[in-house]
Each structure stands twice: as structure tokens, then as C-alpha cells.
Amino acid sequence: MAADSADAFCDDNQADDRLARTVIEALQVGRSWAHIATDLGVSPPAVRDRLGVTDRDWQEAIVAHENARAARLDDLSWSRLS
């Protein structure tokens, strides 16, 4: 399947929707952002100014992790076409 095809676009959107639903469900049952990130395989964010890692730090780490994953998948899709 071509990465720029309608099917590829739907698959990316479906993956994003699944991730969003998973995060929402985890938060509803009381899971922390740190637990969610750990489940996704996200490396812990760096501690700044000895303040500890905040929920926002974890959220940003999750976004960076998912963006990198999507970029790798896109690279793989394009390399299969060549």
C-alpha cells in the first residue's frame, strides 16, 4: 500500500484514534501519565532544575515518542516503494 494512498491515511488516523482512546481510558481508571508512557515504551523525560518530572513532561515525551514512531513507519512505507 502506498504511504500516500487513502488507505494509508485511514490507517494512520485509526492508529491515532486507538492511541487517544487508550489514553482516555487509562486516565479514567486513574492511571498516571508516567504509567501510560511506560506502557507505550516511552523513555523517562529529563529532570529539569531538580523539580522532578511533571505530567506535562510525560505528555510531551509521549507525543515525541509517537511522532518518532509515525515518522519511522512513514520511512518504511516509502522505502518499500523504491
N, C-alpha and C. Protein backbone atom coordinates (compact mmCIF):
# COMPACT_ATOMS: atom_id res chain seq x y z
N MET A 1 0.85 -1.17 0.00
CA MET A 1 0.00 0.00 0.00
C MET A 1 0.89 1.23 0.00
N ALA A 2 0.61 2.19 -0.84
CA ALA A 2 1.38 3.42 -0.91
C ALA A 2 1.10 4.27 0.33
N ALA A 3 2.17 4.91 0.81
CA ALA A 3 2.02 5.72 2.03
C ALA A 3 1.11 6.90 1.81
N ASP A 4 0.96 7.34 0.54
CA ASP A 4 0.11 8.49 0.29
C ASP A 4 -1.29 8.09 -0.17
N SER A 5 -1.60 6.81 -0.12
CA SER A 5 -2.92 6.35 -0.53
C SER A 5 -3.95 6.67 0.54
N ALA A 6 -5.22 6.61 0.14
CA ALA A 6 -6.30 6.87 1.10
C ALA A 6 -6.30 5.83 2.21
N ASP A 7 -5.95 4.56 1.88
CA ASP A 7 -5.90 3.51 2.90
C ASP A 7 -4.84 3.78 3.94
N ALA A 8 -3.67 4.26 3.51
CA ALA A 8 -2.61 4.58 4.47
C ALA A 8 -3.06 5.70 5.39
N PHE A 9 -3.74 6.70 4.84
CA PHE A 9 -4.22 7.81 5.64
C PHE A 9 -5.22 7.32 6.68
N CYS A 10 -6.12 6.45 6.28
CA CYS A 10 -7.11 5.92 7.22
C CYS A 10 -6.43 5.10 8.32
N ASP A 11 -5.43 4.30 7.95
CA ASP A 11 -4.73 3.51 8.94
C ASP A 11 -4.04 4.40 9.96
N ASP A 12 -3.41 5.49 9.52
CA ASP A 12 -2.76 6.42 10.44
C ASP A 12 -3.78 7.05 11.37
N ASN A 13 -4.91 7.46 10.82
CA ASN A 13 -5.96 8.05 11.65
C ASN A 13 -6.52 7.05 12.63
N GLN A 14 -6.69 5.82 12.21
CA GLN A 14 -7.20 4.79 13.10
C GLN A 14 -6.22 4.52 14.23
N ALA A 15 -4.92 4.51 13.92
CA ALA A 15 -3.90 4.31 14.96
C ALA A 15 -3.94 5.46 15.96
N ASP A 16 -4.10 6.69 15.46
CA ASP A 16 -4.19 7.86 16.33
C ASP A 16 -5.44 7.77 17.21
N ASP A 17 -6.55 7.34 16.61
CA ASP A 17 -7.79 7.20 17.38
C ASP A 17 -7.65 6.15 18.47
N ARG A 18 -7.01 5.02 18.14
CA ARG A 18 -6.80 3.96 19.13
C ARG A 18 -5.93 4.46 20.27
N LEU A 19 -4.87 5.19 19.95
CA LEU A 19 -3.99 5.74 20.98
C LEU A 19 -4.78 6.69 21.87
N ALA A 20 -5.56 7.58 21.27
CA ALA A 20 -6.34 8.54 22.06
C ALA A 20 -7.32 7.83 22.98
N ARG A 21 -8.02 6.83 22.46
CA ARG A 21 -8.98 6.08 23.29
C ARG A 21 -8.26 5.36 24.43
N THR A 22 -7.11 4.79 24.14
CA THR A 22 -6.35 4.08 25.17
C THR A 22 -5.93 5.02 26.28
N VAL A 23 -5.45 6.20 25.92
CA VAL A 23 -5.02 7.19 26.92
C VAL A 23 -6.21 7.65 27.74
N ILE A 24 -7.31 7.95 27.09
CA ILE A 24 -8.51 8.41 27.81
C ILE A 24 -8.99 7.35 28.80
N GLU A 25 -9.05 6.10 28.33
CA GLU A 25 -9.50 5.02 29.22
C GLU A 25 -8.55 4.85 30.40
N ALA A 26 -7.25 4.95 30.16
CA ALA A 26 -6.27 4.80 31.24
C ALA A 26 -6.42 5.92 32.26
N LEU A 27 -6.62 7.13 31.79
CA LEU A 27 -6.80 8.25 32.72
C LEU A 27 -8.10 8.12 33.51
N GLN A 28 -9.14 7.62 32.87
CA GLN A 28 -10.43 7.46 33.56
C GLN A 28 -10.35 6.46 34.71
N VAL A 29 -9.48 5.46 34.60
CA VAL A 29 -9.35 4.48 35.69
C VAL A 29 -8.24 4.85 36.66
N GLY A 30 -7.69 6.06 36.50
CA GLY A 30 -6.73 6.56 37.48
C GLY A 30 -5.27 6.30 37.19
N ARG A 31 -4.94 5.86 36.00
CA ARG A 31 -3.53 5.64 35.66
C ARG A 31 -2.86 6.98 35.46
N SER A 32 -1.61 7.07 35.82
CA SER A 32 -0.87 8.32 35.67
C SER A 32 -0.26 8.40 34.27
N TRP A 33 0.16 9.60 33.91
CA TRP A 33 0.84 9.79 32.63
C TRP A 33 2.13 8.98 32.59
N ALA A 34 2.79 8.86 33.72
CA ALA A 34 4.03 8.07 33.79
C ALA A 34 3.74 6.60 33.47
N HIS A 35 2.65 6.06 34.01
CA HIS A 35 2.28 4.67 33.73
C HIS A 35 1.93 4.48 32.26
N ILE A 36 1.18 5.42 31.71
CA ILE A 36 0.81 5.34 30.30
C ILE A 36 2.06 5.36 29.43
N ALA A 37 2.97 6.27 29.75
CA ALA A 37 4.21 6.37 28.97
C ALA A 37 5.02 5.08 29.06
N THR A 38 5.10 4.52 30.24
CA THR A 38 5.84 3.27 30.43
C THR A 38 5.22 2.16 29.60
N ASP A 39 3.90 2.08 29.59
CA ASP A 39 3.20 1.06 28.79
C ASP A 39 3.50 1.23 27.30
N LEU A 40 3.68 2.47 26.86
CA LEU A 40 3.97 2.74 25.46
C LEU A 40 5.45 2.59 25.12
N GLY A 41 6.29 2.37 26.12
CA GLY A 41 7.72 2.23 25.88
C GLY A 41 8.46 3.55 25.77
N VAL A 42 7.89 4.60 26.35
CA VAL A 42 8.48 5.93 26.30
C VAL A 42 9.58 6.05 27.36
N SER A 43 10.72 6.56 26.94
CA SER A 43 11.80 6.80 27.89
C SER A 43 11.43 7.95 28.82
N PRO A 44 11.87 7.88 30.07
CA PRO A 44 11.55 8.98 31.00
C PRO A 44 12.15 10.30 30.53
N PRO A 45 11.40 11.38 30.66
CA PRO A 45 11.93 12.69 30.29
C PRO A 45 13.01 13.13 31.28
N ALA A 46 13.85 14.03 30.83
CA ALA A 46 14.92 14.54 31.69
C ALA A 46 14.34 15.41 32.80
N VAL A 47 14.94 15.34 33.96
CA VAL A 47 14.53 16.16 35.10
C VAL A 47 15.20 17.52 34.95
N ARG A 48 14.40 18.57 35.07
CA ARG A 48 14.93 19.93 34.94
C ARG A 48 14.94 20.62 36.30
N ASP A 49 16.02 21.25 36.60
CA ASP A 49 16.12 22.09 37.81
C ASP A 49 15.68 21.40 39.08
N ARG A 50 15.91 20.11 39.17
CA ARG A 50 15.57 19.32 40.36
C ARG A 50 14.09 19.41 40.76
N LEU A 51 13.24 19.77 39.81
CA LEU A 51 11.82 19.91 40.12
C LEU A 51 11.07 18.60 39.96
N GLY A 52 11.72 17.62 39.40
CA GLY A 52 11.03 16.37 39.14
C GLY A 52 10.34 16.42 37.79
N VAL A 53 9.80 15.31 37.41
CA VAL A 53 9.12 15.19 36.12
C VAL A 53 7.63 15.44 36.33
N THR A 54 7.09 16.35 35.56
CA THR A 54 5.68 16.70 35.68
C THR A 54 4.83 15.89 34.68
N ASP A 55 3.52 15.95 34.85
CA ASP A 55 2.62 15.31 33.89
C ASP A 55 2.84 15.88 32.49
N ARG A 56 3.05 17.18 32.43
CA ARG A 56 3.30 17.81 31.11
C ARG A 56 4.57 17.26 30.47
N ASP A 57 5.61 17.04 31.26
CA ASP A 57 6.85 16.44 30.73
C ASP A 57 6.55 15.07 30.13
N TRP A 58 5.76 14.26 30.86
CA TRP A 58 5.39 12.94 30.36
C TRP A 58 4.55 13.04 29.09
N GLN A 59 3.61 13.98 29.07
CA GLN A 59 2.77 14.16 27.89
C GLN A 59 3.62 14.53 26.67
N GLU A 60 4.56 15.45 26.86
CA GLU A 60 5.43 15.85 25.76
C GLU A 60 6.33 14.69 25.31
N ALA A 61 6.77 13.88 26.25
CA ALA A 61 7.58 12.71 25.90
C ALA A 61 6.77 11.71 25.09
N ILE A 62 5.50 11.52 25.47
CA ILE A 62 4.62 10.61 24.72
C ILE A 62 4.42 11.12 23.30
N VAL A 63 4.16 12.41 23.16
CA VAL A 63 3.95 12.99 21.82
C VAL A 63 5.21 12.83 20.98
N ALA A 64 6.37 13.12 21.54
CA ALA A 64 7.63 12.98 20.80
C ALA A 64 7.85 11.52 20.39
N HIS A 65 7.56 10.61 21.31
CA HIS A 65 7.72 9.18 21.03
C HIS A 65 6.80 8.73 19.90
N GLU A 66 5.55 9.15 19.95
CA GLU A 66 4.58 8.76 18.92
C GLU A 66 4.90 9.42 17.59
N ASN A 67 5.37 10.66 17.60
CA ASN A 67 5.76 11.32 16.35
C ASN A 67 6.95 10.60 15.71
N ALA A 68 7.91 10.19 16.53
CA ALA A 68 9.07 9.46 16.01
C ALA A 68 8.64 8.11 15.45
N ARG A 69 7.71 7.44 16.13
CA ARG A 69 7.21 6.16 15.64
C ARG A 69 6.52 6.33 14.30
N ALA A 70 5.69 7.34 14.18
CA ALA A 70 4.98 7.59 12.93
C ALA A 70 5.95 7.91 11.80
N ALA A 71 7.00 8.67 12.11
CA ALA A 71 8.00 9.01 11.09
C ALA A 71 8.74 7.75 10.63
N ARG A 72 9.05 6.85 11.57
CA ARG A 72 9.72 5.60 11.19
C ARG A 72 8.82 4.76 10.30
N LEU A 73 7.55 4.66 10.65
CA LEU A 73 6.61 3.90 9.82
C LEU A 73 6.48 4.51 8.44
N ASP A 74 6.46 5.83 8.37
CA ASP A 74 6.37 6.52 7.08
C ASP A 74 7.62 6.25 6.25
N ASP A 75 8.79 6.30 6.89
CA ASP A 75 10.04 6.00 6.19
C ASP A 75 10.03 4.58 5.64
N LEU A 76 9.53 3.64 6.43
CA LEU A 76 9.46 2.24 5.98
C LEU A 76 8.51 2.11 4.78
N SER A 77 7.40 2.82 4.83
CA SER A 77 6.43 2.76 3.73
C SER A 77 7.05 3.29 2.44
N TRP A 78 7.78 4.39 2.54
CA TRP A 78 8.40 4.97 1.36
C TRP A 78 9.54 4.09 0.85
N SER A 79 10.29 3.47 1.74
CA SER A 79 11.41 2.63 1.30
C SER A 79 10.91 1.39 0.57
N ARG A 80 9.73 0.90 0.91
CA ARG A 80 9.16 -0.25 0.20
C ARG A 80 8.77 0.09 -1.23
N LEU A 81 8.49 1.37 -1.47
CA LEU A 81 8.08 1.78 -2.81
C LEU A 81 9.27 1.89 -3.76
N SER A 82 10.47 2.05 -3.22
CA SER A 82 11.62 2.23 -4.11
C SER A 82 12.32 0.94 -4.46
